[in-house]
Amino acid sequence: MVRLVIRKVGNSLGVVLPQEAAQTLHVGEGDELFLTEAPGGAFRITPYDPAFEEAMTVAEEFMGRYKNALRELAK
């Protein structure tokens, strides 16, 4: 467990991620992180955009349903 301290950054609040956490998340300076709610009132920090994941799920369902039509269109 690592304790993070909240600091004032301009008009916002921020935390500094330890290098080990940044390496585990495969992120660096300028990369985006997403804060999402997790069960039990907790939060999750991830480099993956949950909206993109949802869009990909919808796209995969669509492609699976219409794979024959899409195959013909690709010819």
C-alpha atoms as a PDB file:
ATOM      1  CA  MET A   1       0.000   0.000   0.000  1.00  0.00           C
ATOM      2  CA  VAL A   2       1.210   3.482  -0.871  1.00  0.00           C
ATOM      3  CA  ARG A   3      -0.144   6.601   0.779  1.00  0.00           C
ATOM      4  CA  LEU A   4      -0.747   9.462  -1.667  1.00  0.00           C
ATOM      5  CA  VAL A   5      -0.986  13.081  -0.551  1.00  0.00           C
ATOM      6  CA  ILE A   6      -3.453  15.442  -2.222  1.00  0.00           C
ATOM      7  CA  ARG A   7      -1.815  18.699  -3.302  1.00  0.00           C
ATOM      8  CA  LYS A   8      -3.129  21.939  -4.760  1.00  0.00           C
ATOM      9  CA  VAL A   9      -2.246  22.287  -8.458  1.00  0.00           C
ATOM     10  CA  GLY A  10      -3.470  25.639  -9.751  1.00  0.00           C
ATOM     11  CA  ASN A  11      -7.220  25.711  -9.086  1.00  0.00           C
ATOM     12  CA  SER A  12      -7.419  21.907  -8.855  1.00  0.00           C
ATOM     13  CA  LEU A  13      -6.245  19.122  -6.607  1.00  0.00           C
ATOM     14  CA  GLY A  14      -3.806  16.433  -7.665  1.00  0.00           C
ATOM     15  CA  VAL A  15      -1.759  13.480  -6.517  1.00  0.00           C
ATOM     16  CA  VAL A  16       1.673  12.353  -7.643  1.00  0.00           C
ATOM     17  CA  LEU A  17       1.893   8.737  -8.736  1.00  0.00           C
ATOM     18  CA  PRO A  18       4.990   6.856  -7.625  1.00  0.00           C
ATOM     19  CA  GLN A  19       7.185   5.744 -10.544  1.00  0.00           C
ATOM     20  CA  GLU A  20       6.308   2.095  -9.816  1.00  0.00           C
ATOM     21  CA  ALA A  21       2.578   2.840 -10.223  1.00  0.00           C
ATOM     22  CA  ALA A  22       3.197   4.726 -13.484  1.00  0.00           C
ATOM     23  CA  GLN A  23       5.229   1.795 -14.825  1.00  0.00           C
ATOM     24  CA  THR A  24       2.530  -0.703 -13.844  1.00  0.00           C
ATOM     25  CA  LEU A  25      -0.102   1.427 -15.631  1.00  0.00           C
ATOM     26  CA  HIS A  26       2.267   1.922 -18.611  1.00  0.00           C
ATOM     27  CA  VAL A  27       1.788   5.688 -18.518  1.00  0.00           C
ATOM     28  CA  GLY A  28       4.075   8.674 -18.600  1.00  0.00           C
ATOM     29  CA  GLU A  29       3.945  12.443 -18.575  1.00  0.00           C
ATOM     30  CA  GLY A  30       1.099  13.773 -20.739  1.00  0.00           C
ATOM     31  CA  ASP A  31      -0.838  10.481 -20.875  1.00  0.00           C
ATOM     32  CA  GLU A  32      -4.482  10.398 -19.823  1.00  0.00           C
ATOM     33  CA  LEU A  33      -5.847   8.403 -16.915  1.00  0.00           C
ATOM     34  CA  PHE A  34      -9.525   7.743 -16.252  1.00  0.00           C
ATOM     35  CA  LEU A  35     -11.116   7.679 -12.809  1.00  0.00           C
ATOM     36  CA  THR A  36     -14.134   5.375 -12.680  1.00  0.00           C
ATOM     37  CA  GLU A  37     -16.410   4.295  -9.871  1.00  0.00           C
ATOM     38  CA  ALA A  38     -15.944   0.758  -8.623  1.00  0.00           C
ATOM     39  CA  PRO A  39     -18.292  -1.345  -6.498  1.00  0.00           C
ATOM     40  CA  GLY A  40     -18.533  -0.461  -2.826  1.00  0.00           C
ATOM     41  CA  GLY A  41     -17.968   3.265  -3.245  1.00  0.00           C
ATOM     42  CA  ALA A  42     -14.340   2.848  -4.328  1.00  0.00           C
ATOM     43  CA  PHE A  43     -12.671   4.355  -7.394  1.00  0.00           C
ATOM     44  CA  ARG A  44     -10.450   2.845 -10.054  1.00  0.00           C
ATOM     45  CA  ILE A  45      -7.683   4.622 -11.989  1.00  0.00           C
ATOM     46  CA  THR A  46      -7.045   3.188 -15.439  1.00  0.00           C
ATOM     47  CA  PRO A  47      -5.338   4.263 -18.655  1.00  0.00           C
ATOM     48  CA  TYR A  48      -8.191   2.695 -20.642  1.00  0.00           C
ATOM     49  CA  ASP A  49     -11.115   4.867 -21.730  1.00  0.00           C
ATOM     50  CA  PRO A  50     -14.325   3.151 -20.540  1.00  0.00           C
ATOM     51  CA  ALA A  51     -16.352   4.933 -23.265  1.00  0.00           C
ATOM     52  CA  PHE A  52     -14.067   3.450 -25.939  1.00  0.00           C
ATOM     53  CA  GLU A  53     -14.450  -0.012 -24.413  1.00  0.00           C
ATOM     54  CA  GLU A  54     -18.245   0.332 -24.500  1.00  0.00           C
ATOM     55  CA  ALA A  55     -18.142   1.508 -28.139  1.00  0.00           C
ATOM     56  CA  MET A  56     -15.963  -1.465 -29.091  1.00  0.00           C
ATOM     57  CA  THR A  57     -18.387  -3.876 -27.416  1.00  0.00           C
ATOM     58  CA  VAL A  58     -21.272  -2.411 -29.426  1.00  0.00           C
ATOM     59  CA  ALA A  59     -19.188  -2.551 -32.634  1.00  0.00           C
ATOM     60  CA  GLU A  60     -18.233  -6.199 -32.052  1.00  0.00           C
ATOM     61  CA  GLU A  61     -21.883  -7.139 -31.495  1.00  0.00           C
ATOM     62  CA  PHE A  62     -22.859  -5.306 -34.694  1.00  0.00           C
ATOM     63  CA  MET A  63     -20.073  -6.958 -36.721  1.00  0.00           C
ATOM     64  CA  GLY A  64     -21.018 -10.370 -35.365  1.00  0.00           C
ATOM     65  CA  ARG A  65     -24.665  -9.893 -36.272  1.00  0.00           C
ATOM     66  CA  TYR A  66     -23.959  -8.595 -39.779  1.00  0.00           C
ATOM     67  CA  LYS A  67     -20.731 -10.449 -40.634  1.00  0.00           C
ATOM     68  CA  ASN A  68     -22.107 -11.899 -43.876  1.00  0.00           C
ATOM     69  CA  ALA A  69     -23.292  -8.497 -45.113  1.00  0.00           C
ATOM     70  CA  LEU A  70     -20.005  -6.896 -44.121  1.00  0.00           C
ATOM     71  CA  ARG A  71     -18.086  -9.647 -45.932  1.00  0.00           C
ATOM     72  CA  GLU A  72     -20.072  -8.958 -49.108  1.00  0.00           C
ATOM     73  CA  LEU A  73     -19.547  -5.213 -48.809  1.00  0.00           C
ATOM     74  CA  ALA A  74     -15.805  -5.757 -48.455  1.00  0.00           C
ATOM     75  CA  LYS A  75     -15.619  -7.500 -51.858  1.00  0.00           C
END
